[in-house]
Amino acid sequence: MEEIPLPVDRIRNRRPIHIETRLDAFGGQRFAFRLDYNSVAERWVVEIEHLQRDFGVTRSIVEPYRLYTYRPFVSFLFADPTGKEPTATPATLGDPIRLWALPGAGGQQPDES
């Protein structure tokens, strides 16, 4: 499981977020994560894109403990490691609710043994 750091200060201020990163959970492939706060619905919206393939994995409301899957390569999960926070708000997203990448069978590095 690989954590994708989220900028807590921008989240607390409900500012748009754009993160591009290479994932060890998927062989160094590049992904973009865009988060916007919808002030009408009072919810965060996430867009995840696999940059090499120009493929949108999801555009959805942030739902903690729901898998956003790019099968069979990698899945993404917003979760509070303590399991106490049920919703992603400006006060909870980033800390304690974090973003994780979980490798799938098609995305893991081959064994080097």
PDB file of N, CA and C in Angstrom:
ATOM      1  N   MET A   1       0.859  -1.169   0.000  1.00  0.00           N
ATOM      2  CA  MET A   1       0.000   0.000   0.000  1.00  0.00           C
ATOM      3  C   MET A   1       0.906   1.232   0.000  1.00  0.00           C
ATOM      4  N   GLU A   2       0.601   2.165  -0.868  1.00  0.00           N
ATOM      5  CA  GLU A   2       1.414   3.367  -1.039  1.00  0.00           C
ATOM      6  C   GLU A   2       0.572   4.607  -0.779  1.00  0.00           C
ATOM      7  N   GLU A   3       1.037   5.481   0.098  1.00  0.00           N
ATOM      8  CA  GLU A   3       0.288   6.700   0.402  1.00  0.00           C
ATOM      9  C   GLU A   3       0.639   7.794  -0.601  1.00  0.00           C
ATOM     10  N   ILE A   4      -0.383   8.512  -1.052  1.00  0.00           N
ATOM     11  CA  ILE A   4      -0.206   9.680  -1.905  1.00  0.00           C
ATOM     12  C   ILE A   4      -0.477  10.896  -1.026  1.00  0.00           C
ATOM     13  N   PRO A   5       0.555  11.665  -0.692  1.00  0.00           N
ATOM     14  CA  PRO A   5       0.380  12.794   0.223  1.00  0.00           C
ATOM     15  C   PRO A   5      -0.584  13.848  -0.328  1.00  0.00           C
ATOM     16  N   LEU A   6      -1.435  14.336   0.556  1.00  0.00           N
ATOM     17  CA  LEU A   6      -2.393  15.382   0.203  1.00  0.00           C
ATOM     18  C   LEU A   6      -2.030  16.667   0.942  1.00  0.00           C
ATOM     19  N   PRO A   7      -2.145  17.835   0.289  1.00  0.00           N
ATOM     20  CA  PRO A   7      -1.790  19.107   0.916  1.00  0.00           C
ATOM     21  C   PRO A   7      -2.889  19.594   1.868  1.00  0.00           C
ATOM     22  N   VAL A   8      -2.707  19.322   3.138  1.00  0.00           N
ATOM     23  CA  VAL A   8      -3.730  19.610   4.146  1.00  0.00           C
ATOM     24  C   VAL A   8      -4.111  21.089   4.170  1.00  0.00           C
ATOM     25  N   ASP A   9      -3.128  21.993   4.025  1.00  0.00           N
ATOM     26  CA  ASP A   9      -3.440  23.421   4.073  1.00  0.00           C
ATOM     27  C   ASP A   9      -4.395  23.835   2.959  1.00  0.00           C
ATOM     28  N   ARG A  10      -4.191  23.339   1.755  1.00  0.00           N
ATOM     29  CA  ARG A  10      -5.098  23.660   0.631  1.00  0.00           C
ATOM     30  C   ARG A  10      -6.479  23.041   0.863  1.00  0.00           C
ATOM     31  N   ILE A  11      -6.502  21.843   1.432  1.00  0.00           N
ATOM     32  CA  ILE A  11      -7.778  21.173   1.707  1.00  0.00           C
ATOM     33  C   ILE A  11      -8.578  21.969   2.732  1.00  0.00           C
ATOM     34  N   ARG A  12      -7.925  22.389   3.807  1.00  0.00           N
ATOM     35  CA  ARG A  12      -8.622  23.151   4.856  1.00  0.00           C
ATOM     36  C   ARG A  12      -9.216  24.451   4.306  1.00  0.00           C
ATOM     37  N   ASN A  13      -8.536  25.024   3.294  1.00  0.00           N
ATOM     38  CA  ASN A  13      -9.008  26.266   2.675  1.00  0.00           C
ATOM     39  C   ASN A  13      -9.909  26.023   1.467  1.00  0.00           C
ATOM     40  N   ARG A  14     -10.257  24.743   1.231  1.00  0.00           N
ATOM     41  CA  ARG A  14     -11.150  24.356   0.131  1.00  0.00           C
ATOM     42  C   ARG A  14     -10.625  24.798  -1.241  1.00  0.00           C
ATOM     43  N   ARG A  15      -9.307  24.741  -1.399  1.00  0.00           N
ATOM     44  CA  ARG A  15      -8.664  25.152  -2.644  1.00  0.00           C
ATOM     45  C   ARG A  15      -8.527  23.947  -3.573  1.00  0.00           C
ATOM     46  N   PRO A  16      -8.585  24.167  -4.884  1.00  0.00           N
ATOM     47  CA  PRO A  16      -8.375  23.062  -5.829  1.00  0.00           C
ATOM     48  C   PRO A  16      -6.981  22.465  -5.661  1.00  0.00           C
ATOM     49  N   ILE A  17      -6.882  21.177  -5.893  1.00  0.00           N
ATOM     50  CA  ILE A  17      -5.637  20.445  -5.716  1.00  0.00           C
ATOM     51  C   ILE A  17      -5.332  19.677  -6.998  1.00  0.00           C
ATOM     52  N   HIS A  18      -4.067  19.713  -7.403  1.00  0.00           N
ATOM     53  CA  HIS A  18      -3.610  18.924  -8.548  1.00  0.00           C
ATOM     54  C   HIS A  18      -2.281  18.285  -8.150  1.00  0.00           C
ATOM     55  N   ILE A  19      -2.245  16.963  -8.188  1.00  0.00           N
ATOM     56  CA  ILE A  19      -1.046  16.208  -7.830  1.00  0.00           C
ATOM     57  C   ILE A  19      -0.724  15.283  -8.992  1.00  0.00           C
ATOM     58  N   GLU A  20       0.534  15.280  -9.420  1.00  0.00           N
ATOM     59  CA  GLU A  20       1.016  14.293 -10.383  1.00  0.00           C
ATOM     60  C   GLU A  20       2.115  13.512  -9.704  1.00  0.00           C
ATOM     61  N   THR A  21       2.050  12.180  -9.817  1.00  0.00           N
ATOM     62  CA  THR A  21       3.043  11.341  -9.148  1.00  0.00           C
ATOM     63  C   THR A  21       3.236  10.033  -9.898  1.00  0.00           C
ATOM     64  N   ARG A  22       4.399   9.443  -9.691  1.00  0.00           N
ATOM     65  CA  ARG A  22       4.684   8.093 -10.187  1.00  0.00           C
ATOM     66  C   ARG A  22       4.389   7.125  -9.053  1.00  0.00           C
ATOM     67  N   LEU A  23       3.704   6.033  -9.378  1.00  0.00           N
ATOM     68  CA  LEU A  23       3.303   5.072  -8.355  1.00  0.00           C
ATOM     69  C   LEU A  23       4.179   3.831  -8.369  1.00  0.00           C
ATOM     70  N   ASP A  24       4.808   3.554  -7.242  1.00  0.00           N
ATOM     71  CA  ASP A  24       5.523   2.283  -7.082  1.00  0.00           C
ATOM     72  C   ASP A  24       4.526   1.133  -7.147  1.00  0.00           C
ATOM     73  N   ALA A  25       3.281   1.394  -6.714  1.00  0.00           N
ATOM     74  CA  ALA A  25       2.236   0.366  -6.711  1.00  0.00           C
ATOM     75  C   ALA A  25       1.844  -0.059  -8.122  1.00  0.00           C
ATOM     76  N   PHE A  26       2.308   0.682  -9.143  1.00  0.00           N
ATOM     77  CA  PHE A  26       2.002   0.329 -10.530  1.00  0.00           C
ATOM     78  C   PHE A  26       3.218   0.610 -11.406  1.00  0.00           C
ATOM     79  N   GLY A  27       4.353   0.055 -11.001  1.00  0.00           N
ATOM     80  CA  GLY A  27       5.554   0.064 -11.829  1.00  0.00           C
ATOM     81  C   GLY A  27       6.044   1.435 -12.260  1.00  0.00           C
ATOM     82  N   GLY A  28       5.845   2.471 -11.454  1.00  0.00           N
ATOM     83  CA  GLY A  28       6.336   3.804 -11.795  1.00  0.00           C
ATOM     84  C   GLY A  28       5.469   4.568 -12.774  1.00  0.00           C
ATOM     85  N   GLN A  29       4.280   4.061 -13.064  1.00  0.00           N
ATOM     86  CA  GLN A  29       3.368   4.764 -13.977  1.00  0.00           C
ATOM     87  C   GLN A  29       2.920   6.095 -13.360  1.00  0.00           C
ATOM     88  N   ARG A  30       2.695   7.104 -14.209  1.00  0.00           N
ATOM     89  CA  ARG A  30       2.308   8.436 -13.737  1.00  0.00           C
ATOM     90  C   ARG A  30       0.788   8.580 -13.698  1.00  0.00           C
ATOM     91  N   PHE A  31       0.334   9.176 -12.599  1.00  0.00           N
ATOM     92  CA  PHE A  31      -1.089   9.453 -12.403  1.00  0.00           C
ATOM     93  C   PHE A  31      -1.271  10.897 -11.975  1.00  0.00           C
ATOM     94  N   ALA A  32      -2.427  11.454 -12.331  1.00  0.00           N
ATOM     95  CA  ALA A  32      -2.821  12.789 -11.875  1.00  0.00           C
ATOM     96  C   ALA A  32      -4.042  12.645 -10.984  1.00  0.00           C
ATOM     97  N   PHE A  33      -4.059  13.410  -9.915  1.00  0.00           N
ATOM     98  CA  PHE A  33      -5.180  13.438  -8.972  1.00  0.00           C
ATOM     99  C   PHE A  33      -5.628  14.888  -8.872  1.00  0.00           C
ATOM    100  N   ARG A  34      -6.887  15.126  -9.181  1.00  0.00           N
ATOM    101  CA  ARG A  34      -7.446  16.473  -9.071  1.00  0.00           C
ATOM    102  C   ARG A  34      -8.595  16.419  -8.082  1.00  0.00           C
ATOM    103  N   LEU A  35      -8.551  17.312  -7.116  1.00  0.00           N
ATOM    104  CA  LEU A  35      -9.623  17.376  -6.121  1.00  0.00           C
ATOM    105  C   LEU A  35     -10.180  18.794  -6.102  1.00  0.00           C
ATOM    106  N   ASP A  36     -11.483  18.897  -6.163  1.00  0.00           N
ATOM    107  CA  ASP A  36     -12.181  20.176  -6.086  1.00  0.00           C
ATOM    108  C   ASP A  36     -13.272  20.062  -5.044  1.00  0.00           C
ATOM    109  N   TYR A  37     -13.474  21.142  -4.318  1.00  0.00           N
ATOM    110  CA  TYR A  37     -14.532  21.157  -3.313  1.00  0.00           C
ATOM    111  C   TYR A  37     -15.788  21.747  -3.932  1.00  0.00           C
ATOM    112  N   ASN A  38     -16.887  20.988  -3.880  1.00  0.00           N
ATOM    113  CA  ASN A  38     -18.187  21.455  -4.364  1.00  0.00           C
ATOM    114  C   ASN A  38     -18.910  22.068  -3.170  1.00  0.00           C
ATOM    115  N   SER A  39     -18.950  23.396  -3.126  1.00  0.00           N
ATOM    116  CA  SER A  39     -19.514  24.080  -1.962  1.00  0.00           C
ATOM    117  C   SER A  39     -21.035  23.934  -1.877  1.00  0.00           C
ATOM    118  N   VAL A  40     -21.707  23.661  -2.986  1.00  0.00           N
ATOM    119  CA  VAL A  40     -23.156  23.458  -2.961  1.00  0.00           C
ATOM    120  C   VAL A  40     -23.478  22.118  -2.304  1.00  0.00           C
ATOM    121  N   ALA A  41     -22.797  21.071  -2.743  1.00  0.00           N
ATOM    122  CA  ALA A  41     -23.023  19.732  -2.186  1.00  0.00           C
ATOM    123  C   ALA A  41     -22.224  19.512  -0.895  1.00  0.00           C
ATOM    124  N   GLU A  42     -21.276  20.414  -0.626  1.00  0.00           N
ATOM    125  CA  GLU A  42     -20.386  20.284   0.531  1.00  0.00           C
ATOM    126  C   GLU A  42     -19.657  18.947   0.520  1.00  0.00           C
ATOM    127  N   ARG A  43     -19.117  18.620  -0.647  1.00  0.00           N
ATOM    128  CA  ARG A  43     -18.382  17.360  -0.839  1.00  0.00           C
ATOM    129  C   ARG A  43     -17.162  17.609  -1.720  1.00  0.00           C
ATOM    130  N   TRP A  44     -16.143  16.790  -1.524  1.00  0.00           N
ATOM    131  CA  TRP A  44     -14.978  16.806  -2.389  1.00  0.00           C
ATOM    132  C   TRP A  44     -15.230  15.927  -3.603  1.00  0.00           C
ATOM    133  N   VAL A  45     -14.757  16.360  -4.758  1.00  0.00           N
ATOM    134  CA  VAL A  45     -14.839  15.592  -5.997  1.00  0.00           C
ATOM    135  C   VAL A  45     -13.410  15.259  -6.412  1.00  0.00           C
ATOM    136  N   VAL A  46     -13.176  14.006  -6.780  1.00  0.00           N
ATOM    137  CA  VAL A  46     -11.851  13.576  -7.201  1.00  0.00           C
ATOM    138  C   VAL A  46     -11.895  13.117  -8.655  1.00  0.00           C
ATOM    139  N   GLU A  47     -10.848  13.450  -9.374  1.00  0.00           N
ATOM    140  CA  GLU A  47     -10.649  12.948 -10.731  1.00  0.00           C
ATOM    141  C   GLU A  47      -9.266  12.308 -10.746  1.00  0.00           C
ATOM    142  N   ILE A  48      -9.204  11.050 -11.189  1.00  0.00           N
ATOM    143  CA  ILE A  48      -7.940  10.324 -11.260  1.00  0.00           C
ATOM    144  C   ILE A  48      -7.698   9.954 -12.720  1.00  0.00           C
ATOM    145  N   GLU A  49      -6.485  10.254 -13.191  1.00  0.00           N
ATOM    146  CA  GLU A  49      -6.152   9.987 -14.590  1.00  0.00           C
ATOM    147  C   GLU A  49      -4.807   9.271 -14.687  1.00  0.00           C
ATOM    148  N   HIS A  50      -4.763   8.220 -15.518  1.00  0.00           N
ATOM    149  CA  HIS A  50      -3.505   7.543 -15.847  1.00  0.00           C
ATOM    150  C   HIS A  50      -2.909   8.335 -17.003  1.00  0.00           C
ATOM    151  N   LEU A  51      -1.820   9.052 -16.736  1.00  0.00           N
ATOM    152  CA  LEU A  51      -1.300  10.015 -17.697  1.00  0.00           C
ATOM    153  C   LEU A  51      -0.702   9.388 -18.947  1.00  0.00           C
ATOM    154  N   GLN A  52       0.024   8.266 -18.831  1.00  0.00           N
ATOM    155  CA  GLN A  52       0.627   7.659 -20.022  1.00  0.00           C
ATOM    156  C   GLN A  52      -0.428   7.243 -21.047  1.00  0.00           C
ATOM    157  N   ARG A  53      -1.560   6.824 -20.566  1.00  0.00           N
ATOM    158  CA  ARG A  53      -2.610   6.366 -21.473  1.00  0.00           C
ATOM    159  C   ARG A  53      -3.694   7.406 -21.710  1.00  0.00           C
ATOM    160  N   ASP A  54      -3.571   8.568 -21.050  1.00  0.00           N
ATOM    161  CA  ASP A  54      -4.592   9.605 -21.154  1.00  0.00           C
ATOM    162  C   ASP A  54      -5.975   8.995 -20.869  1.00  0.00           C
ATOM    163  N   PHE A  55      -6.027   8.206 -19.774  1.00  0.00           N
ATOM    164  CA  PHE A  55      -7.236   7.457 -19.423  1.00  0.00           C
ATOM    165  C   PHE A  55      -7.774   7.932 -18.079  1.00  0.00           C
ATOM    166  N   GLY A  56      -9.034   8.335 -18.063  1.00  0.00           N
ATOM    167  CA  GLY A  56      -9.683   8.739 -16.823  1.00  0.00           C
ATOM    168  C   GLY A  56     -10.132   7.530 -16.028  1.00  0.00           C
ATOM    169  N   VAL A  57      -9.539   7.340 -14.857  1.00  0.00           N
ATOM    170  CA  VAL A  57      -9.903   6.221 -13.995  1.00  0.00           C
ATOM    171  C   VAL A  57     -11.255   6.485 -13.342  1.00  0.00           C
ATOM    172  N   THR A  58     -11.455   7.706 -12.838  1.00  0.00           N
ATOM    173  CA  THR A  58     -12.729   8.060 -12.216  1.00  0.00           C
ATOM    174  C   THR A  58     -12.876   9.560 -12.129  1.00  0.00           C
ATOM    175  N   ARG A  59     -14.078  10.010 -12.044  1.00  0.00           N
ATOM    176  CA  ARG A  59     -14.455  11.361 -11.635  1.00  0.00           C
ATOM    177  C   ARG A  59     -15.672  11.136 -10.756  1.00  0.00           C
ATOM    178  N   SER A  60     -15.486  11.345  -9.456  1.00  0.00           N
ATOM    179  CA  SER A  60     -16.506  10.935  -8.503  1.00  0.00           C
ATOM    180  C   SER A  60     -16.396  11.752  -7.223  1.00  0.00           C
ATOM    181  N   ILE A  61     -17.448  11.702  -6.442  1.00  0.00           N
ATOM    182  CA  ILE A  61     -17.408  12.267  -5.098  1.00  0.00           C
ATOM    183  C   ILE A  61     -16.471  11.405  -4.259  1.00  0.00           C
ATOM    184  N   VAL A  62     -15.667  12.042  -3.414  1.00  0.00           N
ATOM    185  CA  VAL A  62     -14.764  11.298  -2.527  1.00  0.00           C
ATOM    186  C   VAL A  62     -15.604  10.567  -1.489  1.00  0.00           C
ATOM    187  N   GLU A  63     -15.541   9.254  -1.544  1.00  0.00           N
ATOM    188  CA  GLU A  63     -16.259   8.397  -0.603  1.00  0.00           C
ATOM    189  C   GLU A  63     -15.231   7.568   0.148  1.00  0.00           C
ATOM    190  N   PRO A  64     -14.974   7.872   1.421  1.00  0.00           N
ATOM    191  CA  PRO A  64     -14.012   7.060   2.163  1.00  0.00           C
ATOM    192  C   PRO A  64     -14.405   5.584   2.182  1.00  0.00           C
ATOM    193  N   TYR A  65     -13.389   4.742   2.089  1.00  0.00           N
ATOM    194  CA  TYR A  65     -13.506   3.279   2.154  1.00  0.00           C
ATOM    195  C   TYR A  65     -14.093   2.673   0.879  1.00  0.00           C
ATOM    196  N   ARG A  66     -14.264   3.468  -0.172  1.00  0.00           N
ATOM    197  CA  ARG A  66     -14.709   2.951  -1.470  1.00  0.00           C
ATOM    198  C   ARG A  66     -13.492   2.812  -2.369  1.00  0.00           C
ATOM    199  N   LEU A  67     -13.367   1.681  -3.054  1.00  0.00           N
ATOM    200  CA  LEU A  67     -12.253   1.477  -3.973  1.00  0.00           C
ATOM    201  C   LEU A  67     -12.560   2.115  -5.319  1.00  0.00           C
ATOM    202  N   TYR A  68     -11.607   2.879  -5.817  1.00  0.00           N
ATOM    203  CA  TYR A  68     -11.641   3.418  -7.173  1.00  0.00           C
ATOM    204  C   TYR A  68     -10.642   2.564  -7.944  1.00  0.00           C
ATOM    205  N   THR A  69     -11.132   1.634  -8.749  1.00  0.00           N
ATOM    206  CA  THR A  69     -10.295   0.586  -9.311  1.00  0.00           C
ATOM    207  C   THR A  69      -9.959   0.829 -10.775  1.00  0.00           C
ATOM    208  N   TYR A  70      -8.698   0.616 -11.090  1.00  0.00           N
ATOM    209  CA  TYR A  70      -8.180   0.611 -12.451  1.00  0.00           C
ATOM    210  C   TYR A  70      -7.636  -0.796 -12.662  1.00  0.00           C
ATOM    211  N   ARG A  71      -8.563  -1.720 -12.929  1.00  0.00           N
ATOM    212  CA  ARG A  71      -8.274  -3.153 -12.943  1.00  0.00           C
ATOM    213  C   ARG A  71      -7.472  -3.564 -14.140  1.00  0.00           C
ATOM    214  N   PRO A  72      -6.630  -4.550 -13.998  1.00  0.00           N
ATOM    215  CA  PRO A  72      -6.185  -5.245 -12.784  1.00  0.00           C
ATOM    216  C   PRO A  72      -4.932  -4.598 -12.200  1.00  0.00           C
ATOM    217  N   PHE A  73      -4.727  -3.324 -12.494  1.00  0.00           N
ATOM    218  CA  PHE A  73      -3.445  -2.692 -12.217  1.00  0.00           C
ATOM    219  C   PHE A  73      -3.305  -2.094 -10.816  1.00  0.00           C
ATOM    220  N   VAL A  74      -4.238  -1.237 -10.435  1.00  0.00           N
ATOM    221  CA  VAL A  74      -4.115  -0.523  -9.171  1.00  0.00           C
ATOM    222  C   VAL A  74      -5.498  -0.049  -8.732  1.00  0.00           C
ATOM    223  N   SER A  75      -5.691   0.069  -7.433  1.00  0.00           N
ATOM    224  CA  SER A  75      -6.922   0.637  -6.884  1.00  0.00           C
ATOM    225  C   SER A  75      -6.525   1.778  -5.962  1.00  0.00           C
ATOM    226  N   PHE A  76      -7.445   2.729  -5.825  1.00  0.00           N
ATOM    227  CA  PHE A  76      -7.213   3.884  -4.959  1.00  0.00           C
ATOM    228  C   PHE A  76      -8.271   3.895  -3.875  1.00  0.00           C
ATOM    229  N   LEU A  77      -7.871   4.360  -2.702  1.00  0.00           N
ATOM    230  CA  LEU A  77      -8.747   4.314  -1.548  1.00  0.00           C
ATOM    231  C   LEU A  77      -8.489   5.531  -0.664  1.00  0.00           C
ATOM    232  N   PHE A  78      -9.549   6.251  -0.315  1.00  0.00           N
ATOM    233  CA  PHE A  78      -9.477   7.286   0.707  1.00  0.00           C
ATOM    234  C   PHE A  78      -9.916   6.613   2.005  1.00  0.00           C
ATOM    235  N   ALA A  79      -9.090   6.694   3.038  1.00  0.00           N
ATOM    236  CA  ALA A  79      -9.442   6.031   4.287  1.00  0.00           C
ATOM    237  C   ALA A  79      -8.722   6.665   5.468  1.00  0.00           C
ATOM    238  N   ASP A  80      -9.378   6.600   6.611  1.00  0.00           N
ATOM    239  CA  ASP A  80      -8.794   6.978   7.889  1.00  0.00           C
ATOM    240  C   ASP A  80      -8.226   5.694   8.483  1.00  0.00           C
ATOM    241  N   PRO A  81      -6.909   5.625   8.719  1.00  0.00           N
ATOM    242  CA  PRO A  81      -6.336   4.385   9.252  1.00  0.00           C
ATOM    243  C   PRO A  81      -6.977   3.914  10.553  1.00  0.00           C
ATOM    244  N   THR A  82      -7.568   4.820  11.326  1.00  0.00           N
ATOM    245  CA  THR A  82      -8.215   4.412  12.578  1.00  0.00           C
ATOM    246  C   THR A  82      -9.639   3.919  12.334  1.00  0.00           C
ATOM    247  N   GLY A  83     -10.193   4.214  11.147  1.00  0.00           N
ATOM    248  CA  GLY A  83     -11.563   3.799  10.833  1.00  0.00           C
ATOM    249  C   GLY A  83     -12.626   4.636  11.514  1.00  0.00           C
ATOM    250  N   LYS A  84     -12.257   5.772  12.085  1.00  0.00           N
ATOM    251  CA  LYS A  84     -13.221   6.579  12.843  1.00  0.00           C
ATOM    252  C   LYS A  84     -13.957   7.618  12.011  1.00  0.00           C
ATOM    253  N   GLU A  85     -13.339   8.119  10.932  1.00  0.00           N
ATOM    254  CA  GLU A  85     -13.957   9.185  10.139  1.00  0.00           C
ATOM    255  C   GLU A  85     -14.771   8.603   8.982  1.00  0.00           C
ATOM    256  N   PRO A  86     -16.080   8.832   8.969  1.00  0.00           N
ATOM    257  CA  PRO A  86     -16.922   8.270   7.915  1.00  0.00           C
ATOM    258  C   PRO A  86     -17.043   9.147   6.665  1.00  0.00           C
ATOM    259  N   THR A  87     -16.695  10.438   6.745  1.00  0.00           N
ATOM    260  CA  THR A  87     -16.865  11.325   5.598  1.00  0.00           C
ATOM    261  C   THR A  87     -15.620  12.183   5.379  1.00  0.00           C
ATOM    262  N   ALA A  88     -15.416  12.559   4.124  1.00  0.00           N
ATOM    263  CA  ALA A  88     -14.292  13.420   3.757  1.00  0.00           C
ATOM    264  C   ALA A  88     -14.781  14.861   3.713  1.00  0.00           C
ATOM    265  N   THR A  89     -14.387  15.636   4.690  1.00  0.00           N
ATOM    266  CA  THR A  89     -14.739  17.055   4.776  1.00  0.00           C
ATOM    267  C   THR A  89     -13.440  17.857   4.737  1.00  0.00           C
ATOM    268  N   PRO A  90     -13.524  19.191   4.626  1.00  0.00           N
ATOM    269  CA  PRO A  90     -12.298  19.981   4.684  1.00  0.00           C
ATOM    270  C   PRO A  90     -11.536  19.783   6.002  1.00  0.00           C
ATOM    271  N   ALA A  91     -12.226  19.385   7.050  1.00  0.00           N
ATOM    272  CA  ALA A  91     -11.573  19.162   8.341  1.00  0.00           C
ATOM    273  C   ALA A  91     -10.970  17.757   8.469  1.00  0.00           C
ATOM    274  N   THR A  92     -11.386  16.810   7.622  1.00  0.00           N
ATOM    275  CA  THR A  92     -10.908  15.431   7.776  1.00  0.00           C
ATOM    276  C   THR A  92     -10.062  14.922   6.615  1.00  0.00           C
ATOM    277  N   LEU A  93     -10.253  15.460   5.407  1.00  0.00           N
ATOM    278  CA  LEU A  93      -9.492  14.977   4.252  1.00  0.00           C
ATOM    279  C   LEU A  93      -8.032  15.407   4.384  1.00  0.00           C
ATOM    280  N   GLY A  94      -7.132  14.519   4.127  1.00  0.00           N
ATOM    281  CA  GLY A  94      -5.700  14.801   4.254  1.00  0.00           C
ATOM    282  C   GLY A  94      -5.153  14.359   5.596  1.00  0.00           C
ATOM    283  N   ASP A  95      -5.908  14.591   6.649  1.00  0.00           N
ATOM    284  CA  ASP A  95      -5.558  14.144   7.997  1.00  0.00           C
ATOM    285  C   ASP A  95      -6.816  14.227   8.841  1.00  0.00           C
ATOM    286  N   PRO A  96      -7.387  13.113   9.226  1.00  0.00           N
ATOM    287  CA  PRO A  96      -6.859  11.757   9.208  1.00  0.00           C
ATOM    288  C   PRO A  96      -7.140  10.955   7.939  1.00  0.00           C
ATOM    289  N   ILE A  97      -8.083  11.390   7.076  1.00  0.00           N
ATOM    290  CA  ILE A  97      -8.389  10.608   5.871  1.00  0.00           C
ATOM    291  C   ILE A  97      -7.286  10.833   4.846  1.00  0.00           C
ATOM    292  N   ARG A  98      -6.691   9.733   4.402  1.00  0.00           N
ATOM    293  CA  ARG A  98      -5.575   9.790   3.470  1.00  0.00           C
ATOM    294  C   ARG A  98      -5.910   9.058   2.181  1.00  0.00           C
ATOM    295  N   LEU A  99      -5.096   9.283   1.172  1.00  0.00           N
ATOM    296  CA  LEU A  99      -5.267   8.637  -0.125  1.00  0.00           C
ATOM    297  C   LEU A  99      -4.189   7.568  -0.279  1.00  0.00           C
ATOM    298  N   TRP A 100      -4.632   6.357  -0.649  1.00  0.00           N
ATOM    299  CA  TRP A 100      -3.734   5.211  -0.792  1.00  0.00           C
ATOM    300  C   TRP A 100      -3.860   4.600  -2.180  1.00  0.00           C
ATOM    301  N   ALA A 101      -2.755   4.062  -2.685  1.00  0.00           N
ATOM    302  CA  ALA A 101      -2.740   3.262  -3.914  1.00  0.00           C
ATOM    303  C   ALA A 101      -2.432   1.831  -3.513  1.00  0.00           C
ATOM    304  N   LEU A 102      -3.264   0.902  -3.953  1.00  0.00           N
ATOM    305  CA  LEU A 102      -3.096  -0.512  -3.641  1.00  0.00           C
ATOM    306  C   LEU A 102      -2.782  -1.252  -4.934  1.00  0.00           C
ATOM    307  N   PRO A 103      -1.640  -1.934  -5.013  1.00  0.00           N
ATOM    308  CA  PRO A 103      -1.283  -2.616  -6.251  1.00  0.00           C
ATOM    309  C   PRO A 103      -2.222  -3.774  -6.553  1.00  0.00           C
ATOM    310  N   GLY A 104      -2.544  -3.913  -7.824  1.00  0.00           N
ATOM    311  CA  GLY A 104      -3.313  -5.066  -8.287  1.00  0.00           C
ATOM    312  C   GLY A 104      -2.370  -6.077  -8.908  1.00  0.00           C
ATOM    313  N   ALA A 105      -2.882  -7.229  -9.258  1.00  0.00           N
ATOM    314  CA  ALA A 105      -2.051  -8.307  -9.815  1.00  0.00           C
ATOM    315  C   ALA A 105      -1.350  -7.883 -11.100  1.00  0.00           C
ATOM    316  N   GLY A 106      -1.997  -7.062 -11.913  1.00  0.00           N
ATOM    317  CA  GLY A 106      -1.403  -6.634 -13.177  1.00  0.00           C
ATOM    318  C   GLY A 106      -0.470  -5.458 -13.051  1.00  0.00           C
ATOM    319  N   GLY A 107      -0.365  -4.867 -11.871  1.00  0.00           N
ATOM    320  CA  GLY A 107       0.460  -3.683 -11.712  1.00  0.00           C
ATOM    321  C   GLY A 107       1.678  -3.864 -10.843  1.00  0.00           C
ATOM    322  N   GLN A 108       1.785  -4.994 -10.170  1.00  0.00           N
ATOM    323  CA  GLN A 108       2.901  -5.200  -9.259  1.00  0.00           C
ATOM    324  C   GLN A 108       4.194  -5.441 -10.034  1.00  0.00           C
ATOM    325  N   GLN A 109       5.288  -5.043  -9.398  1.00  0.00           N
ATOM    326  CA  GLN A 109       6.597  -5.317  -9.964  1.00  0.00           C
ATOM    327  C   GLN A 109       6.857  -6.822  -9.932  1.00  0.00           C
ATOM    328  N   PRO A 110       7.542  -7.372 -10.925  1.00  0.00           N
ATOM    329  CA  PRO A 110       7.863  -8.803 -10.871  1.00  0.00           C
ATOM    330  C   PRO A 110       8.794  -9.099  -9.697  1.00  0.00           C
ATOM    331  N   ASP A 111       8.681 -10.302  -9.123  1.00  0.00           N
ATOM    332  CA  ASP A 111       9.568 -10.722  -8.044  1.00  0.00           C
ATOM    333  C   ASP A 111      10.998 -10.777  -8.566  1.00  0.00           C
ATOM    334  N   GLU A 112      11.913 -10.284  -7.759  1.00  0.00           N
ATOM    335  CA  GLU A 112      13.322 -10.303  -8.159  1.00  0.00           C
ATOM    336  C   GLU A 112      14.073 -11.421  -7.459  1.00  0.00           C
ATOM    337  N   SER A 113      13.367 -12.442  -6.967  1.00  0.00           N
ATOM    338  CA  SER A 113      14.045 -13.536  -6.263  1.00  0.00           C
ATOM    339  C   SER A 113      14.553 -14.587  -7.202  1.00  0.00           C
TER     340      SER A 113
END
